[in-house]
Amino acid sequence: MDDENFPNLSELVGKRVVRRNAADFEDDEESSESGIILHAWKNSELNAVDCYVAFFGESWPKSNEKPDQIPYVLRYLLSSLEEV
């Protein structure tokens, strides 16, 4: 991916994303986790966008309220996340 095909990294911060994964291959059910991008950067080794995402579980917390769970931060490629 060349520089003109990369998204504006500063515009990614604060975006809501979902990480989907197959929960059980036998049932063909899918689970997902809701998160917010905290930081994004160009990973030149992978020629992709890398980011840290704060995940809140299956849903986002309500506005102006303390989340039920403490979010946890994981590193993911932007291409593996779905923007909501």
N, C-alpha and C. Protein backbone atom coordinates (compact mmCIF):
# COMPACT_ATOMS: atom_id res chain seq x y z
N MET A 1 0.85 -1.16 0.00
CA MET A 1 0.00 0.00 0.00
C MET A 1 0.90 1.23 0.00
N ASP A 2 0.76 2.10 -1.00
CA ASP A 2 1.56 3.31 -1.02
C ASP A 2 0.91 4.40 -0.17
N ASP A 3 1.67 5.50 0.04
CA ASP A 3 1.21 6.54 0.96
C ASP A 3 -0.14 7.13 0.59
N GLU A 4 -0.44 7.26 -0.69
CA GLU A 4 -1.72 7.87 -1.06
C GLU A 4 -2.91 6.95 -0.80
N ASN A 5 -2.68 5.64 -0.61
CA ASN A 5 -3.76 4.71 -0.30
C ASN A 5 -3.96 4.52 1.20
N PHE A 6 -3.07 5.08 2.02
CA PHE A 6 -3.22 4.97 3.47
C PHE A 6 -4.25 5.98 3.94
N PRO A 7 -5.08 5.61 4.91
CA PRO A 7 -6.05 6.57 5.46
C PRO A 7 -5.32 7.63 6.28
N ASN A 8 -5.98 8.73 6.54
CA ASN A 8 -5.44 9.76 7.42
C ASN A 8 -5.44 9.17 8.83
N LEU A 9 -4.28 8.91 9.37
CA LEU A 9 -4.17 8.19 10.64
C LEU A 9 -4.80 8.96 11.81
N SER A 10 -4.69 10.27 11.81
CA SER A 10 -5.26 11.04 12.91
C SER A 10 -6.79 10.98 12.90
N GLU A 11 -7.40 10.75 11.75
CA GLU A 11 -8.86 10.63 11.67
C GLU A 11 -9.36 9.28 12.19
N LEU A 12 -8.48 8.30 12.31
CA LEU A 12 -8.88 6.98 12.81
C LEU A 12 -9.06 6.96 14.32
N VAL A 13 -8.30 7.81 15.02
CA VAL A 13 -8.36 7.83 16.49
C VAL A 13 -9.77 8.24 16.94
N GLY A 14 -10.35 7.44 17.81
CA GLY A 14 -11.69 7.70 18.32
C GLY A 14 -12.79 6.99 17.54
N LYS A 15 -12.45 6.36 16.42
CA LYS A 15 -13.47 5.65 15.63
C LYS A 15 -13.89 4.37 16.35
N ARG A 16 -15.18 4.08 16.26
CA ARG A 16 -15.70 2.82 16.81
C ARG A 16 -15.48 1.70 15.80
N VAL A 17 -15.01 0.57 16.30
CA VAL A 17 -14.74 -0.58 15.45
C VAL A 17 -15.27 -1.83 16.12
N VAL A 18 -15.41 -2.87 15.33
CA VAL A 18 -15.82 -4.18 15.83
C VAL A 18 -14.82 -5.21 15.33
N ARG A 19 -14.44 -6.10 16.22
CA ARG A 19 -13.59 -7.23 15.84
C ARG A 19 -14.47 -8.47 15.87
N ARG A 20 -14.62 -9.08 14.73
CA ARG A 20 -15.47 -10.27 14.64
C ARG A 20 -14.59 -11.52 14.58
N ASN A 21 -15.06 -12.58 15.22
CA ASN A 21 -14.35 -13.85 15.15
C ASN A 21 -15.35 -14.99 15.26
N ALA A 22 -14.99 -16.10 14.67
CA ALA A 22 -15.86 -17.28 14.73
C ALA A 22 -15.76 -17.87 16.13
N ALA A 23 -16.87 -17.88 16.84
CA ALA A 23 -16.88 -18.37 18.23
C ALA A 23 -16.75 -19.89 18.26
N ASP A 24 -17.45 -20.54 17.38
CA ASP A 24 -17.44 -22.00 17.35
C ASP A 24 -17.64 -22.43 15.91
N PHE A 25 -16.64 -23.04 15.33
CA PHE A 25 -16.71 -23.39 13.91
C PHE A 25 -17.82 -24.38 13.60
N GLU A 26 -18.22 -25.20 14.59
CA GLU A 26 -19.28 -26.17 14.34
C GLU A 26 -20.64 -25.50 14.24
N ASP A 27 -20.87 -24.46 15.03
CA ASP A 27 -22.17 -23.79 15.02
C ASP A 27 -22.26 -22.67 14.00
N ASP A 28 -21.14 -22.30 13.39
CA ASP A 28 -21.08 -21.18 12.45
C ASP A 28 -21.59 -19.89 13.07
N GLU A 29 -21.48 -19.77 14.39
CA GLU A 29 -21.87 -18.54 15.06
C GLU A 29 -20.68 -17.61 15.13
N GLU A 30 -20.97 -16.35 15.12
CA GLU A 30 -19.92 -15.36 15.16
C GLU A 30 -20.07 -14.51 16.41
N SER A 31 -18.97 -14.20 17.06
CA SER A 31 -19.03 -13.28 18.19
C SER A 31 -18.26 -12.03 17.79
N SER A 32 -18.47 -10.96 18.52
CA SER A 32 -17.77 -9.73 18.21
C SER A 32 -17.45 -8.96 19.47
N GLU A 33 -16.47 -8.08 19.37
CA GLU A 33 -16.09 -7.21 20.46
C GLU A 33 -16.11 -5.78 19.96
N SER A 34 -16.62 -4.88 20.77
CA SER A 34 -16.72 -3.47 20.42
C SER A 34 -15.53 -2.72 20.99
N GLY A 35 -14.94 -1.85 20.15
CA GLY A 35 -13.78 -1.11 20.62
C GLY A 35 -13.68 0.26 20.00
N ILE A 36 -12.72 1.02 20.50
CA ILE A 36 -12.43 2.36 20.01
C ILE A 36 -10.94 2.45 19.73
N ILE A 37 -10.58 2.97 18.56
CA ILE A 37 -9.16 3.11 18.19
C ILE A 37 -8.53 4.20 19.04
N LEU A 38 -7.44 3.84 19.73
CA LEU A 38 -6.71 4.78 20.57
C LEU A 38 -5.54 5.43 19.86
N HIS A 39 -4.87 4.67 19.00
CA HIS A 39 -3.68 5.17 18.30
C HIS A 39 -3.49 4.33 17.04
N ALA A 40 -3.07 4.98 15.96
CA ALA A 40 -2.84 4.27 14.69
C ALA A 40 -1.53 4.75 14.08
N TRP A 41 -0.85 3.83 13.40
CA TRP A 41 0.41 4.17 12.74
C TRP A 41 0.61 3.28 11.53
N LYS A 42 1.48 3.74 10.64
CA LYS A 42 1.81 2.98 9.43
C LYS A 42 2.87 1.95 9.79
N ASN A 43 2.56 0.68 9.55
CA ASN A 43 3.51 -0.40 9.78
C ASN A 43 4.17 -0.69 8.44
N SER A 44 5.38 -0.18 8.25
CA SER A 44 6.05 -0.31 6.95
C SER A 44 6.50 -1.74 6.67
N GLU A 45 6.73 -2.54 7.72
CA GLU A 45 7.12 -3.94 7.51
C GLU A 45 5.98 -4.74 6.88
N LEU A 46 4.75 -4.45 7.31
CA LEU A 46 3.58 -5.17 6.80
C LEU A 46 2.86 -4.40 5.71
N ASN A 47 3.30 -3.15 5.47
CA ASN A 47 2.66 -2.27 4.50
C ASN A 47 1.16 -2.17 4.79
N ALA A 48 0.87 -1.86 6.05
CA ALA A 48 -0.51 -1.80 6.53
C ALA A 48 -0.61 -0.79 7.66
N VAL A 49 -1.83 -0.56 8.13
CA VAL A 49 -2.05 0.32 9.27
C VAL A 49 -2.24 -0.55 10.51
N ASP A 50 -1.46 -0.24 11.53
CA ASP A 50 -1.52 -0.93 12.81
C ASP A 50 -2.20 -0.01 13.81
N CYS A 51 -2.87 -0.56 14.81
CA CYS A 51 -3.50 0.31 15.79
C CYS A 51 -3.69 -0.38 17.13
N TYR A 52 -3.78 0.46 18.17
CA TYR A 52 -4.17 0.00 19.50
C TYR A 52 -5.64 0.31 19.66
N VAL A 53 -6.39 -0.69 20.15
CA VAL A 53 -7.83 -0.55 20.30
C VAL A 53 -8.22 -0.89 21.73
N ALA A 54 -9.03 -0.03 22.33
CA ALA A 54 -9.60 -0.32 23.66
C ALA A 54 -10.91 -1.06 23.44
N PHE A 55 -10.98 -2.29 23.93
CA PHE A 55 -12.18 -3.11 23.76
C PHE A 55 -13.00 -3.10 25.04
N PHE A 56 -14.33 -3.02 24.86
CA PHE A 56 -15.27 -2.96 25.98
C PHE A 56 -16.12 -4.21 26.09
N GLY A 57 -15.86 -5.22 25.31
CA GLY A 57 -16.68 -6.43 25.32
C GLY A 57 -17.64 -6.41 24.14
N GLU A 58 -18.84 -6.93 24.36
CA GLU A 58 -19.79 -7.08 23.27
C GLU A 58 -20.53 -5.80 22.89
N SER A 59 -20.45 -4.76 23.72
CA SER A 59 -21.14 -3.51 23.40
C SER A 59 -20.38 -2.33 24.00
N TRP A 60 -20.63 -1.15 23.45
CA TRP A 60 -19.99 0.06 23.97
C TRP A 60 -20.71 0.51 25.23
N PRO A 61 -19.98 1.18 26.11
CA PRO A 61 -20.65 1.72 27.30
C PRO A 61 -21.57 2.87 26.92
N LYS A 62 -22.56 3.13 27.76
CA LYS A 62 -23.47 4.25 27.52
C LYS A 62 -22.70 5.55 27.67
N SER A 63 -23.10 6.57 26.90
CA SER A 63 -22.45 7.87 26.97
C SER A 63 -22.52 8.45 28.38
N ASN A 64 -21.44 9.06 28.78
CA ASN A 64 -21.34 9.75 30.06
C ASN A 64 -21.54 8.85 31.27
N GLU A 65 -21.38 7.55 31.10
CA GLU A 65 -21.49 6.63 32.23
C GLU A 65 -20.23 5.78 32.31
N LYS A 66 -19.90 5.38 33.51
CA LYS A 66 -18.75 4.50 33.70
C LYS A 66 -19.05 3.15 33.07
N PRO A 67 -18.09 2.59 32.30
CA PRO A 67 -18.31 1.27 31.70
C PRO A 67 -18.49 0.20 32.78
N ASP A 68 -19.27 -0.82 32.47
CA ASP A 68 -19.45 -1.94 33.39
C ASP A 68 -18.14 -2.70 33.62
N GLN A 69 -17.32 -2.76 32.54
CA GLN A 69 -16.05 -3.47 32.61
C GLN A 69 -14.92 -2.50 32.29
N ILE A 70 -13.75 -2.75 32.82
CA ILE A 70 -12.57 -1.97 32.47
C ILE A 70 -12.16 -2.39 31.06
N PRO A 71 -11.97 -1.44 30.14
CA PRO A 71 -11.57 -1.83 28.79
C PRO A 71 -10.14 -2.38 28.80
N TYR A 72 -9.86 -3.22 27.84
CA TYR A 72 -8.51 -3.75 27.68
C TYR A 72 -8.01 -3.36 26.30
N VAL A 73 -6.72 -3.13 26.18
CA VAL A 73 -6.13 -2.61 24.94
C VAL A 73 -5.36 -3.73 24.24
N LEU A 74 -5.66 -3.89 22.95
CA LEU A 74 -4.97 -4.87 22.12
C LEU A 74 -4.50 -4.21 20.83
N ARG A 75 -3.52 -4.81 20.21
CA ARG A 75 -2.97 -4.31 18.95
C ARG A 75 -3.53 -5.13 17.79
N TYR A 76 -4.07 -4.44 16.78
CA TYR A 76 -4.63 -5.11 15.62
C TYR A 76 -4.30 -4.34 14.35
N LEU A 77 -4.26 -5.05 13.24
CA LEU A 77 -4.19 -4.40 11.95
C LEU A 77 -5.57 -3.80 11.65
N LEU A 78 -5.57 -2.63 11.08
CA LEU A 78 -6.84 -1.98 10.75
C LEU A 78 -7.68 -2.84 9.83
N SER A 79 -7.04 -3.58 8.94
CA SER A 79 -7.76 -4.42 7.98
C SER A 79 -8.53 -5.56 8.66
N SER A 80 -8.20 -5.89 9.91
CA SER A 80 -8.91 -6.96 10.60
C SER A 80 -10.06 -6.44 11.44
N LEU A 81 -10.30 -5.12 11.38
CA LEU A 81 -11.38 -4.50 12.15
C LEU A 81 -12.43 -3.96 11.20
N GLU A 82 -13.65 -3.91 11.68
CA GLU A 82 -14.77 -3.39 10.89
C GLU A 82 -15.23 -2.07 11.52
N GLU A 83 -15.17 -1.00 10.74
CA GLU A 83 -15.60 0.30 11.24
C GLU A 83 -17.12 0.34 11.33
N VAL A 84 -17.63 0.90 12.42
CA VAL A 84 -19.07 0.95 12.64
C VAL A 84 -19.55 2.38 12.55
